[in-house]
Amino acid sequence: MILGVDFAAKWREATTLKLLVQSELWYRARTPLNAAAEKAIGLYVYPQYHLGWDFYAGMRLDYYSVLSLQDAFGTVSRTSSSICAALGLSPSEFTTFRLAYNIRPEYLDNR
């Protein structure tokens, strides 16, 4: 079973997309044969701002957690998050070039 919802909002001035906000939240539960059930949740949020001409700057925030993996105290023991900064060039409606840098803090990754 997988459940999800996504969201997109756009603010325009004339034909220029000034601000874009995209997000998605999902929940997955699966039970493989002869194995324990696994429950996981994921989320991302991506705001993007128009800098001028065809240039855009954005920041994607990601979060993922396996809810069924818990330690001896009952706290979730597998979470992961990251931040991705991006600079984009969109010369046409169908083409986008993007330079991105992904930051994944190790202290949030409890493998």
PDB file of N, CA and C in Angstrom:
ATOM      1  N   MET A   1       0.844  -1.161   0.000  1.00  0.00           N
ATOM      2  CA  MET A   1       0.000   0.000   0.000  1.00  0.00           C
ATOM      3  C   MET A   1       0.895   1.232   0.000  1.00  0.00           C
ATOM      4  N   ILE A   2       0.550   2.167  -0.829  1.00  0.00           N
ATOM      5  CA  ILE A   2       1.251   3.453  -0.814  1.00  0.00           C
ATOM      6  C   ILE A   2       0.209   4.561  -0.952  1.00  0.00           C
ATOM      7  N   LEU A   3       0.330   5.536  -0.090  1.00  0.00           N
ATOM      8  CA  LEU A   3      -0.547   6.699  -0.107  1.00  0.00           C
ATOM      9  C   LEU A   3       0.324   7.935  -0.278  1.00  0.00           C
ATOM     10  N   GLY A   4      -0.130   8.883  -1.047  1.00  0.00           N
ATOM     11  CA  GLY A   4       0.665  10.083  -1.230  1.00  0.00           C
ATOM     12  C   GLY A   4      -0.182  11.271  -1.628  1.00  0.00           C
ATOM     13  N   VAL A   5       0.375  12.430  -1.406  1.00  0.00           N
ATOM     14  CA  VAL A   5      -0.267  13.673  -1.815  1.00  0.00           C
ATOM     15  C   VAL A   5       0.843  14.623  -2.277  1.00  0.00           C
ATOM     16  N   ASP A   6       0.567  15.346  -3.344  1.00  0.00           N
ATOM     17  CA  ASP A   6       1.558  16.333  -3.788  1.00  0.00           C
ATOM     18  C   ASP A   6       0.888  17.690  -3.914  1.00  0.00           C
ATOM     19  N   PHE A   7       1.731  18.712  -3.989  1.00  0.00           N
ATOM     20  CA  PHE A   7       1.271  20.083  -3.959  1.00  0.00           C
ATOM     21  C   PHE A   7       2.175  20.896  -4.868  1.00  0.00           C
ATOM     22  N   ALA A   8       1.599  21.772  -5.663  1.00  0.00           N
ATOM     23  CA  ALA A   8       2.379  22.693  -6.485  1.00  0.00           C
ATOM     24  C   ALA A   8       1.656  24.041  -6.499  1.00  0.00           C
ATOM     25  N   ALA A   9       2.417  25.102  -6.279  1.00  0.00           N
ATOM     26  CA  ALA A   9       1.863  26.456  -6.317  1.00  0.00           C
ATOM     27  C   ALA A   9       2.787  27.316  -7.170  1.00  0.00           C
ATOM     28  N   LYS A  10       2.188  28.156  -8.002  1.00  0.00           N
ATOM     29  CA  LYS A  10       2.968  29.026  -8.891  1.00  0.00           C
ATOM     30  C   LYS A  10       2.465  30.459  -8.760  1.00  0.00           C
ATOM     31  N   TRP A  11       3.401  31.390  -8.655  1.00  0.00           N
ATOM     32  CA  TRP A  11       3.089  32.814  -8.659  1.00  0.00           C
ATOM     33  C   TRP A  11       3.758  33.423  -9.883  1.00  0.00           C
ATOM     34  N   ARG A  12       2.966  34.064 -10.712  1.00  0.00           N
ATOM     35  CA  ARG A  12       3.466  34.630 -11.964  1.00  0.00           C
ATOM     36  C   ARG A  12       3.295  36.142 -12.000  1.00  0.00           C
ATOM     37  N   GLU A  13       4.191  36.783 -12.750  1.00  0.00           N
ATOM     38  CA  GLU A  13       4.036  38.178 -13.152  1.00  0.00           C
ATOM     39  C   GLU A  13       4.074  38.166 -14.661  1.00  0.00           C
ATOM     40  N   ALA A  14       2.940  38.464 -15.278  1.00  0.00           N
ATOM     41  CA  ALA A  14       2.761  38.339 -16.725  1.00  0.00           C
ATOM     42  C   ALA A  14       3.034  36.883 -17.104  1.00  0.00           C
ATOM     43  N   THR A  15       4.034  36.618 -17.952  1.00  0.00           N
ATOM     44  CA  THR A  15       4.337  35.239 -18.350  1.00  0.00           C
ATOM     45  C   THR A  15       5.527  34.662 -17.591  1.00  0.00           C
ATOM     46  N   THR A  16       6.090  35.422 -16.651  1.00  0.00           N
ATOM     47  CA  THR A  16       7.278  34.972 -15.909  1.00  0.00           C
ATOM     48  C   THR A  16       6.862  34.289 -14.611  1.00  0.00           C
ATOM     49  N   LEU A  17       7.374  33.087 -14.421  1.00  0.00           N
ATOM     50  CA  LEU A  17       7.133  32.347 -13.186  1.00  0.00           C
ATOM     51  C   LEU A  17       8.082  32.888 -12.123  1.00  0.00           C
ATOM     52  N   LYS A  18       7.567  33.669 -11.177  1.00  0.00           N
ATOM     53  CA  LYS A  18       8.403  34.301 -10.159  1.00  0.00           C
ATOM     54  C   LYS A  18       8.730  33.361  -9.004  1.00  0.00           C
ATOM     55  N   LEU A  19       7.756  32.568  -8.566  1.00  0.00           N
ATOM     56  CA  LEU A  19       7.976  31.663  -7.442  1.00  0.00           C
ATOM     57  C   LEU A  19       7.216  30.366  -7.688  1.00  0.00           C
ATOM     58  N   LEU A  20       7.904  29.265  -7.456  1.00  0.00           N
ATOM     59  CA  LEU A  20       7.316  27.936  -7.579  1.00  0.00           C
ATOM     60  C   LEU A  20       7.588  27.191  -6.280  1.00  0.00           C
ATOM     61  N   VAL A  21       6.563  26.562  -5.725  1.00  0.00           N
ATOM     62  CA  VAL A  21       6.723  25.724  -4.531  1.00  0.00           C
ATOM     63  C   VAL A  21       6.096  24.374  -4.836  1.00  0.00           C
ATOM     64  N   GLN A  22       6.910  23.323  -4.743  1.00  0.00           N
ATOM     65  CA  GLN A  22       6.435  21.960  -4.957  1.00  0.00           C
ATOM     66  C   GLN A  22       6.708  21.152  -3.704  1.00  0.00           C
ATOM     67  N   SER A  23       5.816  20.191  -3.422  1.00  0.00           N
ATOM     68  CA  SER A  23       5.997  19.354  -2.250  1.00  0.00           C
ATOM     69  C   SER A  23       5.295  18.022  -2.473  1.00  0.00           C
ATOM     70  N   GLU A  24       5.777  17.008  -1.787  1.00  0.00           N
ATOM     71  CA  GLU A  24       5.142  15.693  -1.840  1.00  0.00           C
ATOM     72  C   GLU A  24       5.344  15.005  -0.500  1.00  0.00           C
ATOM     73  N   LEU A  25       4.314  14.306  -0.052  1.00  0.00           N
ATOM     74  CA  LEU A  25       4.355  13.516   1.174  1.00  0.00           C
ATOM     75  C   LEU A  25       3.778  12.153   0.833  1.00  0.00           C
ATOM     76  N   TRP A  26       4.454  11.089   1.250  1.00  0.00           N
ATOM     77  CA  TRP A  26       3.957   9.740   0.980  1.00  0.00           C
ATOM     78  C   TRP A  26       4.192   8.831   2.180  1.00  0.00           C
ATOM     79  N   TYR A  27       3.388   7.768   2.220  1.00  0.00           N
ATOM     80  CA  TYR A  27       3.477   6.751   3.266  1.00  0.00           C
ATOM     81  C   TYR A  27       3.384   5.393   2.568  1.00  0.00           C
ATOM     82  N   ARG A  28       4.285   4.487   2.925  1.00  0.00           N
ATOM     83  CA  ARG A  28       4.295   3.164   2.305  1.00  0.00           C
ATOM     84  C   ARG A  28       4.291   2.096   3.386  1.00  0.00           C
ATOM     85  N   ALA A  29       3.463   1.079   3.196  1.00  0.00           N
ATOM     86  CA  ALA A  29       3.440  -0.085   4.081  1.00  0.00           C
ATOM     87  C   ALA A  29       3.480  -1.319   3.189  1.00  0.00           C
ATOM     88  N   ARG A  30       4.429  -2.180   3.439  1.00  0.00           N
ATOM     89  CA  ARG A  30       4.499  -3.408   2.653  1.00  0.00           C
ATOM     90  C   ARG A  30       4.866  -4.575   3.562  1.00  0.00           C
ATOM     91  N   THR A  31       4.380  -5.737   3.179  1.00  0.00           N
ATOM     92  CA  THR A  31       4.638  -6.952   3.941  1.00  0.00           C
ATOM     93  C   THR A  31       5.117  -8.032   2.968  1.00  0.00           C
ATOM     94  N   PRO A  32       6.431  -8.213   2.850  1.00  0.00           N
ATOM     95  CA  PRO A  32       6.952  -9.271   1.983  1.00  0.00           C
ATOM     96  C   PRO A  32       6.631 -10.650   2.577  1.00  0.00           C
ATOM     97  N   LEU A  33       6.617 -11.663   1.748  1.00  0.00           N
ATOM     98  CA  LEU A  33       6.392 -13.021   2.228  1.00  0.00           C
ATOM     99  C   LEU A  33       7.475 -13.428   3.212  1.00  0.00           C
ATOM    100  N   ASN A  34       7.085 -14.031   4.314  1.00  0.00           N
ATOM    101  CA  ASN A  34       8.005 -14.536   5.338  1.00  0.00           C
ATOM    102  C   ASN A  34       8.945 -13.460   5.890  1.00  0.00           C
ATOM    103  N   ALA A  35       8.463 -12.233   5.977  1.00  0.00           N
ATOM    104  CA  ALA A  35       9.294 -11.144   6.512  1.00  0.00           C
ATOM    105  C   ALA A  35       8.409 -10.187   7.319  1.00  0.00           C
ATOM    106  N   ALA A  36       9.051  -9.386   8.116  1.00  0.00           N
ATOM    107  CA  ALA A  36       8.327  -8.401   8.930  1.00  0.00           C
ATOM    108  C   ALA A  36       7.811  -7.260   8.053  1.00  0.00           C
ATOM    109  N   ALA A  37       6.731  -6.663   8.478  1.00  0.00           N
ATOM    110  CA  ALA A  37       6.154  -5.535   7.758  1.00  0.00           C
ATOM    111  C   ALA A  37       7.093  -4.330   7.839  1.00  0.00           C
ATOM    112  N   GLU A  38       7.120  -3.556   6.778  1.00  0.00           N
ATOM    113  CA  GLU A  38       7.942  -2.348   6.741  1.00  0.00           C
ATOM    114  C   GLU A  38       7.039  -1.154   6.479  1.00  0.00           C
ATOM    115  N   LYS A  39       7.195  -0.107   7.297  1.00  0.00           N
ATOM    116  CA  LYS A  39       6.443   1.131   7.128  1.00  0.00           C
ATOM    117  C   LYS A  39       7.440   2.268   6.971  1.00  0.00           C
ATOM    118  N   ALA A  40       7.223   3.111   5.965  1.00  0.00           N
ATOM    119  CA  ALA A  40       8.145   4.207   5.701  1.00  0.00           C
ATOM    120  C   ALA A  40       7.350   5.455   5.321  1.00  0.00           C
ATOM    121  N   ILE A  41       7.975   6.613   5.538  1.00  0.00           N
ATOM    122  CA  ILE A  41       7.373   7.892   5.189  1.00  0.00           C
ATOM    123  C   ILE A  41       8.440   8.763   4.532  1.00  0.00           C
ATOM    124  N   GLY A  42       8.032   9.563   3.566  1.00  0.00           N
ATOM    125  CA  GLY A  42       8.970  10.453   2.884  1.00  0.00           C
ATOM    126  C   GLY A  42       8.314  11.791   2.577  1.00  0.00           C
ATOM    127  N   LEU A  43       9.133  12.811   2.460  1.00  0.00           N
ATOM    128  CA  LEU A  43       8.639  14.163   2.233  1.00  0.00           C
ATOM    129  C   LEU A  43       9.712  14.963   1.503  1.00  0.00           C
ATOM    130  N   TYR A  44       9.300  15.800   0.576  1.00  0.00           N
ATOM    131  CA  TYR A  44      10.219  16.800   0.031  1.00  0.00           C
ATOM    132  C   TYR A  44       9.479  18.111  -0.172  1.00  0.00           C
ATOM    133  N   VAL A  45      10.211  19.202  -0.072  1.00  0.00           N
ATOM    134  CA  VAL A  45       9.698  20.549  -0.327  1.00  0.00           C
ATOM    135  C   VAL A  45      10.730  21.244  -1.214  1.00  0.00           C
ATOM    136  N   TYR A  46      10.269  21.835  -2.313  1.00  0.00           N
ATOM    137  CA  TYR A  46      11.183  22.510  -3.240  1.00  0.00           C
ATOM    138  C   TYR A  46      10.637  23.886  -3.611  1.00  0.00           C
ATOM    139  N   PRO A  47      11.132  24.959  -2.979  1.00  0.00           N
ATOM    140  CA  PRO A  47      10.795  26.300  -3.440  1.00  0.00           C
ATOM    141  C   PRO A  47      11.842  26.769  -4.472  1.00  0.00           C
ATOM    142  N   GLN A  48      11.375  27.459  -5.505  1.00  0.00           N
ATOM    143  CA  GLN A  48      12.266  27.962  -6.558  1.00  0.00           C
ATOM    144  C   GLN A  48      11.888  29.411  -6.866  1.00  0.00           C
ATOM    145  N   TYR A  49      12.898  30.292  -6.932  1.00  0.00           N
ATOM    146  CA  TYR A  49      12.670  31.715  -7.124  1.00  0.00           C
ATOM    147  C   TYR A  49      13.344  32.186  -8.414  1.00  0.00           C
ATOM    148  N   HIS A  50      12.658  33.038  -9.169  1.00  0.00           N
ATOM    149  CA  HIS A  50      13.194  33.594 -10.414  1.00  0.00           C
ATOM    150  C   HIS A  50      14.177  34.726 -10.096  1.00  0.00           C
ATOM    151  N   LEU A  51      15.400  34.611 -10.599  1.00  0.00           N
ATOM    152  CA  LEU A  51      16.431  35.617 -10.333  1.00  0.00           C
ATOM    153  C   LEU A  51      16.470  36.721 -11.387  1.00  0.00           C
ATOM    154  N   GLY A  52      15.964  36.447 -12.550  1.00  0.00           N
ATOM    155  CA  GLY A  52      16.019  37.392 -13.658  1.00  0.00           C
ATOM    156  C   GLY A  52      16.407  36.660 -14.929  1.00  0.00           C
ATOM    157  N   TRP A  53      16.052  37.225 -16.070  1.00  0.00           N
ATOM    158  CA  TRP A  53      16.226  36.580 -17.372  1.00  0.00           C
ATOM    159  C   TRP A  53      15.693  35.156 -17.301  1.00  0.00           C
ATOM    160  N   ASP A  54      16.536  34.166 -17.508  1.00  0.00           N
ATOM    161  CA  ASP A  54      16.100  32.765 -17.473  1.00  0.00           C
ATOM    162  C   ASP A  54      16.719  32.001 -16.310  1.00  0.00           C
ATOM    163  N   PHE A  55      17.185  32.712 -15.277  1.00  0.00           N
ATOM    164  CA  PHE A  55      17.874  32.064 -14.151  1.00  0.00           C
ATOM    165  C   PHE A  55      16.947  31.883 -12.950  1.00  0.00           C
ATOM    166  N   TYR A  56      17.107  30.732 -12.285  1.00  0.00           N
ATOM    167  CA  TYR A  56      16.310  30.382 -11.115  1.00  0.00           C
ATOM    168  C   TYR A  56      17.213  29.849 -10.013  1.00  0.00           C
ATOM    169  N   ALA A  57      16.826  30.073  -8.765  1.00  0.00           N
ATOM    170  CA  ALA A  57      17.519  29.486  -7.618  1.00  0.00           C
ATOM    171  C   ALA A  57      16.486  28.705  -6.809  1.00  0.00           C
ATOM    172  N   GLY A  58      16.894  27.530  -6.354  1.00  0.00           N
ATOM    173  CA  GLY A  58      15.972  26.703  -5.589  1.00  0.00           C
ATOM    174  C   GLY A  58      16.684  25.958  -4.478  1.00  0.00           C
ATOM    175  N   MET A  59      15.902  25.419  -3.561  1.00  0.00           N
ATOM    176  CA  MET A  59      16.446  24.653  -2.435  1.00  0.00           C
ATOM    177  C   MET A  59      15.476  23.509  -2.162  1.00  0.00           C
ATOM    178  N   ARG A  60      15.972  22.274  -2.293  1.00  0.00           N
ATOM    179  CA  ARG A  60      15.127  21.101  -2.033  1.00  0.00           C
ATOM    180  C   ARG A  60      15.474  20.521  -0.669  1.00  0.00           C
ATOM    181  N   LEU A  61      14.445  20.307   0.153  1.00  0.00           N
ATOM    182  CA  LEU A  61      14.598  19.713   1.470  1.00  0.00           C
ATOM    183  C   LEU A  61      13.939  18.340   1.434  1.00  0.00           C
ATOM    184  N   ASP A  62      14.680  17.283   1.783  1.00  0.00           N
ATOM    185  CA  ASP A  62      14.190  15.912   1.748  1.00  0.00           C
ATOM    186  C   ASP A  62      14.221  15.303   3.137  1.00  0.00           C
ATOM    187  N   TYR A  63      13.254  14.433   3.412  1.00  0.00           N
ATOM    188  CA  TYR A  63      13.232  13.674   4.652  1.00  0.00           C
ATOM    189  C   TYR A  63      12.673  12.293   4.352  1.00  0.00           C
ATOM    190  N   TYR A  64      13.291  11.260   4.927  1.00  0.00           N
ATOM    191  CA  TYR A  64      12.867   9.879   4.737  1.00  0.00           C
ATOM    192  C   TYR A  64      13.065   9.138   6.053  1.00  0.00           C
ATOM    193  N   SER A  65      12.095   8.294   6.401  1.00  0.00           N
ATOM    194  CA  SER A  65      12.206   7.537   7.635  1.00  0.00           C
ATOM    195  C   SER A  65      11.532   6.180   7.472  1.00  0.00           C
ATOM    196  N   VAL A  66      12.204   5.143   7.954  1.00  0.00           N
ATOM    197  CA  VAL A  66      11.607   3.817   8.025  1.00  0.00           C
ATOM    198  C   VAL A  66      11.032   3.691   9.439  1.00  0.00           C
ATOM    199  N   LEU A  67       9.730   3.795   9.542  1.00  0.00           N
ATOM    200  CA  LEU A  67       9.061   3.840  10.840  1.00  0.00           C
ATOM    201  C   LEU A  67       9.096   2.498  11.570  1.00  0.00           C
ATOM    202  N   SER A  68       9.219   1.415  10.831  1.00  0.00           N
ATOM    203  CA  SER A  68       9.171   0.093  11.458  1.00  0.00           C
ATOM    204  C   SER A  68      10.506  -0.330  12.060  1.00  0.00           C
ATOM    205  N   LEU A  69      11.575   0.403  11.805  1.00  0.00           N
ATOM    206  CA  LEU A  69      12.871   0.087  12.402  1.00  0.00           C
ATOM    207  C   LEU A  69      13.049   0.931  13.656  1.00  0.00           C
ATOM    208  N   GLN A  70      12.934   0.307  14.805  1.00  0.00           N
ATOM    209  CA  GLN A  70      13.042   1.018  16.070  1.00  0.00           C
ATOM    210  C   GLN A  70      14.131   0.391  16.937  1.00  0.00           C
ATOM    211  N   ASP A  71      14.713   1.213  17.783  1.00  0.00           N
ATOM    212  CA  ASP A  71      15.733   0.696  18.698  1.00  0.00           C
ATOM    213  C   ASP A  71      15.062   0.114  19.947  1.00  0.00           C
ATOM    214  N   ALA A  72      15.851  -0.255  20.930  1.00  0.00           N
ATOM    215  CA  ALA A  72      15.328  -0.898  22.143  1.00  0.00           C
ATOM    216  C   ALA A  72      14.413   0.021  22.955  1.00  0.00           C
ATOM    217  N   PHE A  73      14.530   1.334  22.767  1.00  0.00           N
ATOM    218  CA  PHE A  73      13.705   2.289  23.507  1.00  0.00           C
ATOM    219  C   PHE A  73      12.435   2.675  22.750  1.00  0.00           C
ATOM    220  N   GLY A  74      12.257   2.143  21.549  1.00  0.00           N
ATOM    221  CA  GLY A  74      11.060   2.411  20.764  1.00  0.00           C
ATOM    222  C   GLY A  74      11.146   3.632  19.873  1.00  0.00           C
ATOM    223  N   THR A  75      12.318   4.244  19.754  1.00  0.00           N
ATOM    224  CA  THR A  75      12.455   5.394  18.856  1.00  0.00           C
ATOM    225  C   THR A  75      12.878   4.906  17.475  1.00  0.00           C
ATOM    226  N   VAL A  76      12.451   5.639  16.462  1.00  0.00           N
ATOM    227  CA  VAL A  76      12.775   5.275  15.074  1.00  0.00           C
ATOM    228  C   VAL A  76      14.278   5.356  14.884  1.00  0.00           C
ATOM    229  N   SER A  77      14.860   4.287  14.336  1.00  0.00           N
ATOM    230  CA  SER A  77      16.319   4.231  14.253  1.00  0.00           C
ATOM    231  C   SER A  77      16.851   4.441  12.846  1.00  0.00           C
ATOM    232  N   ARG A  78      15.978   4.701  11.857  1.00  0.00           N
ATOM    233  CA  ARG A  78      16.472   4.909  10.490  1.00  0.00           C
ATOM    234  C   ARG A  78      15.796   6.118   9.886  1.00  0.00           C
ATOM    235  N   THR A  79      16.483   7.261   9.902  1.00  0.00           N
ATOM    236  CA  THR A  79      15.995   8.471   9.255  1.00  0.00           C
ATOM    237  C   THR A  79      17.106   9.036   8.384  1.00  0.00           C
ATOM    238  N   SER A  80      16.730   9.781   7.393  1.00  0.00           N
ATOM    239  CA  SER A  80      17.692  10.399   6.503  1.00  0.00           C
ATOM    240  C   SER A  80      17.107  11.725   6.029  1.00  0.00           C
ATOM    241  N   SER A  81      17.937  12.729   5.914  1.00  0.00           N
ATOM    242  CA  SER A  81      17.483  14.003   5.377  1.00  0.00           C
ATOM    243  C   SER A  81      18.617  14.608   4.551  1.00  0.00           C
ATOM    244  N   SER A  82      18.248  15.513   3.674  1.00  0.00           N
ATOM    245  CA  SER A  82      19.256  16.199   2.868  1.00  0.00           C
ATOM    246  C   SER A  82      18.710  17.554   2.426  1.00  0.00           C
ATOM    247  N   ILE A  83      19.645  18.409   2.042  1.00  0.00           N
ATOM    248  CA  ILE A  83      19.336  19.733   1.521  1.00  0.00           C
ATOM    249  C   ILE A  83      20.090  19.861   0.202  1.00  0.00           C
ATOM    250  N   CYS A  84      19.402  20.305  -0.826  1.00  0.00           N
ATOM    251  CA  CYS A  84      20.036  20.448  -2.133  1.00  0.00           C
ATOM    252  C   CYS A  84      19.790  21.859  -2.649  1.00  0.00           C
ATOM    253  N   ALA A  85      20.856  22.626  -2.795  1.00  0.00           N
ATOM    254  CA  ALA A  85      20.772  23.974  -3.358  1.00  0.00           C
ATOM    255  C   ALA A  85      21.002  23.873  -4.860  1.00  0.00           C
ATOM    256  N   ALA A  86      20.198  24.601  -5.638  1.00  0.00           N
ATOM    257  CA  ALA A  86      20.293  24.495  -7.098  1.00  0.00           C
ATOM    258  C   ALA A  86      20.207  25.867  -7.750  1.00  0.00           C
ATOM    259  N   LEU A  87      20.966  26.018  -8.825  1.00  0.00           N
ATOM    260  CA  LEU A  87      20.913  27.192  -9.681  1.00  0.00           C
ATOM    261  C   LEU A  87      20.553  26.693 -11.075  1.00  0.00           C
ATOM    262  N   GLY A  88      19.478  27.234 -11.647  1.00  0.00           N
ATOM    263  CA  GLY A  88      18.995  26.715 -12.921  1.00  0.00           C
ATOM    264  C   GLY A  88      18.932  27.766 -14.012  1.00  0.00           C
ATOM    265  N   LEU A  89      19.058  27.290 -15.238  1.00  0.00           N
ATOM    266  CA  LEU A  89      18.907  28.107 -16.439  1.00  0.00           C
ATOM    267  C   LEU A  89      17.843  27.433 -17.289  1.00  0.00           C
ATOM    268  N   SER A  90      16.794  28.169 -17.634  1.00  0.00           N
ATOM    269  CA  SER A  90      15.682  27.621 -18.397  1.00  0.00           C
ATOM    270  C   SER A  90      15.472  28.465 -19.652  1.00  0.00           C
ATOM    271  N   PRO A  91      16.259  28.192 -20.725  1.00  0.00           N
ATOM    272  CA  PRO A  91      16.157  29.024 -21.922  1.00  0.00           C
ATOM    273  C   PRO A  91      14.871  28.819 -22.719  1.00  0.00           C
ATOM    274  N   SER A  92      14.170  27.710 -22.501  1.00  0.00           N
ATOM    275  CA  SER A  92      12.898  27.490 -23.185  1.00  0.00           C
ATOM    276  C   SER A  92      11.950  26.743 -22.263  1.00  0.00           C
ATOM    277  N   GLU A  93      10.737  26.562 -22.704  1.00  0.00           N
ATOM    278  CA  GLU A  93       9.731  25.861 -21.911  1.00  0.00           C
ATOM    279  C   GLU A  93      10.095  24.389 -21.712  1.00  0.00           C
ATOM    280  N   PHE A  94      10.880  23.829 -22.622  1.00  0.00           N
ATOM    281  CA  PHE A  94      11.172  22.402 -22.616  1.00  0.00           C
ATOM    282  C   PHE A  94      12.578  22.053 -22.151  1.00  0.00           C
ATOM    283  N   THR A  95      13.424  23.050 -21.876  1.00  0.00           N
ATOM    284  CA  THR A  95      14.813  22.795 -21.520  1.00  0.00           C
ATOM    285  C   THR A  95      15.166  23.492 -20.218  1.00  0.00           C
ATOM    286  N   THR A  96      15.816  22.754 -19.314  1.00  0.00           N
ATOM    287  CA  THR A  96      16.335  23.320 -18.074  1.00  0.00           C
ATOM    288  C   THR A  96      17.695  22.728 -17.782  1.00  0.00           C
ATOM    289  N   PHE A  97      18.673  23.584 -17.537  1.00  0.00           N
ATOM    290  CA  PHE A  97      20.001  23.157 -17.092  1.00  0.00           C
ATOM    291  C   PHE A  97      20.102  23.540 -15.627  1.00  0.00           C
ATOM    292  N   ARG A  98      20.588  22.614 -14.809  1.00  0.00           N
ATOM    293  CA  ARG A  98      20.617  22.885 -13.380  1.00  0.00           C
ATOM    294  C   ARG A  98      21.959  22.454 -12.783  1.00  0.00           C
ATOM    295  N   LEU A  99      22.547  23.324 -11.980  1.00  0.00           N
ATOM    296  CA  LEU A  99      23.749  23.031 -11.210  1.00  0.00           C
ATOM    297  C   LEU A  99      23.304  22.918  -9.760  1.00  0.00           C
ATOM    298  N   ALA A 100      23.627  21.772  -9.120  1.00  0.00           N
ATOM    299  CA  ALA A 100      23.116  21.539  -7.765  1.00  0.00           C
ATOM    300  C   ALA A 100      24.214  21.028  -6.852  1.00  0.00           C
ATOM    301  N   TYR A 101      24.065  21.323  -5.578  1.00  0.00           N
ATOM    302  CA  TYR A 101      24.981  20.831  -4.546  1.00  0.00           C
ATOM    303  C   TYR A 101      24.141  20.212  -3.444  1.00  0.00           C
ATOM    304  N   ASN A 102      24.365  18.939  -3.173  1.00  0.00           N
ATOM    305  CA  ASN A 102      23.582  18.204  -2.191  1.00  0.00           C
ATOM    306  C   ASN A 102      24.336  18.113  -0.868  1.00  0.00           C
ATOM    307  N   ILE A 103      23.664  18.449   0.225  1.00  0.00           N
ATOM    308  CA  ILE A 103      24.239  18.378   1.572  1.00  0.00           C
ATOM    309  C   ILE A 103      23.423  17.353   2.348  1.00  0.00           C
ATOM    310  N   ARG A 104      24.092  16.346   2.846  1.00  0.00           N
ATOM    311  CA  ARG A 104      23.405  15.316   3.636  1.00  0.00           C
ATOM    312  C   ARG A 104      24.108  15.201   4.975  1.00  0.00           C
ATOM    313  N   PRO A 105      23.578  15.865   5.990  1.00  0.00           N
ATOM    314  CA  PRO A 105      24.221  15.832   7.303  1.00  0.00           C
ATOM    315  C   PRO A 105      24.312  14.403   7.849  1.00  0.00           C
ATOM    316  N   GLU A 106      25.501  13.977   8.198  1.00  0.00           N
ATOM    317  CA  GLU A 106      25.718  12.607   8.675  1.00  0.00           C
ATOM    318  C   GLU A 106      25.108  12.357  10.033  1.00  0.00           C
ATOM    319  N   TYR A 107      24.988  13.386  10.858  1.00  0.00           N
ATOM    320  CA  TYR A 107      24.437  13.167  12.193  1.00  0.00           C
ATOM    321  C   TYR A 107      22.953  12.831  12.165  1.00  0.00           C
ATOM    322  N   LEU A 108      22.271  13.081  11.034  1.00  0.00           N
ATOM    323  CA  LEU A 108      20.865  12.717  10.909  1.00  0.00           C
ATOM    324  C   LEU A 108      20.684  11.339  10.275  1.00  0.00           C
ATOM    325  N   ASP A 109      21.757  10.753   9.776  1.00  0.00           N
ATOM    326  CA  ASP A 109      21.677   9.466   9.090  1.00  0.00           C
ATOM    327  C   ASP A 109      22.103   8.371  10.070  1.00  0.00           C
ATOM    328  N   ASN A 110      21.165   7.695  10.677  1.00  0.00           N
ATOM    329  CA  ASN A 110      21.455   6.678  11.679  1.00  0.00           C
ATOM    330  C   ASN A 110      21.400   5.280  11.068  1.00  0.00           C
ATOM    331  N   ARG A 111      22.398   4.907  10.343  1.00  0.00           N
ATOM    332  CA  ARG A 111      22.383   3.588   9.710  1.00  0.00           C
ATOM    333  C   ARG A 111      22.777   2.519  10.692  1.00  0.00           C
TER     334      ARG A 111
END
